[in-house]
Amino acid sequence: MQVQNDTKPYDTINVTPMLDLAYVLLVVFILMTTASVQGLTIQMPKPSLKPMSEPHELLIVQVAASGALLLNGSALSLAEIEQRLTQAKARDPKLTVAIKGDAQAAYEQVVQVIDLCNRLAVDMGLVTARIGT
């Protein structure tokens, strides 16, 4: 007796296992979304109408390419800027200083202003240009 050997490849794809998996995933997603609705009913607090924080003084220190220092547009020396920052810090303990250094300015000048702000415990930020401008 001769055994018939069928070595022809299948010409159709059996999609039954794929459909079984899709149905299982569908059932899992349905169960998970209904399970996440459960929880406690709570009363959320109402926000107050007063502002979150009071505005604080902002001083702008510019370091020009020539090395000149400007405080809010007025040319001053580093010692004079220190004196003005000390006075402003006494008026407003949450004083903030924005430091604008010119791209051609000596890095040492900018570092001196940063060190001054750190020494006086003044909050500061460096102002930079956006990328591509």
Foldseek 3Di string as FASTA:
>chain_A
DDDDDDPDDDPDDDCVVVVVVVVVVVVVVVVVVVVVVDDDDDDDDDDDPDDPDDDAAEWEWEQDLVRFIAINRHTDDPVVVLVVVLVSCVVPVQYEYEYEYDPNHDPVSSVSVVVSCVVSVYHYYYDDDDPPD
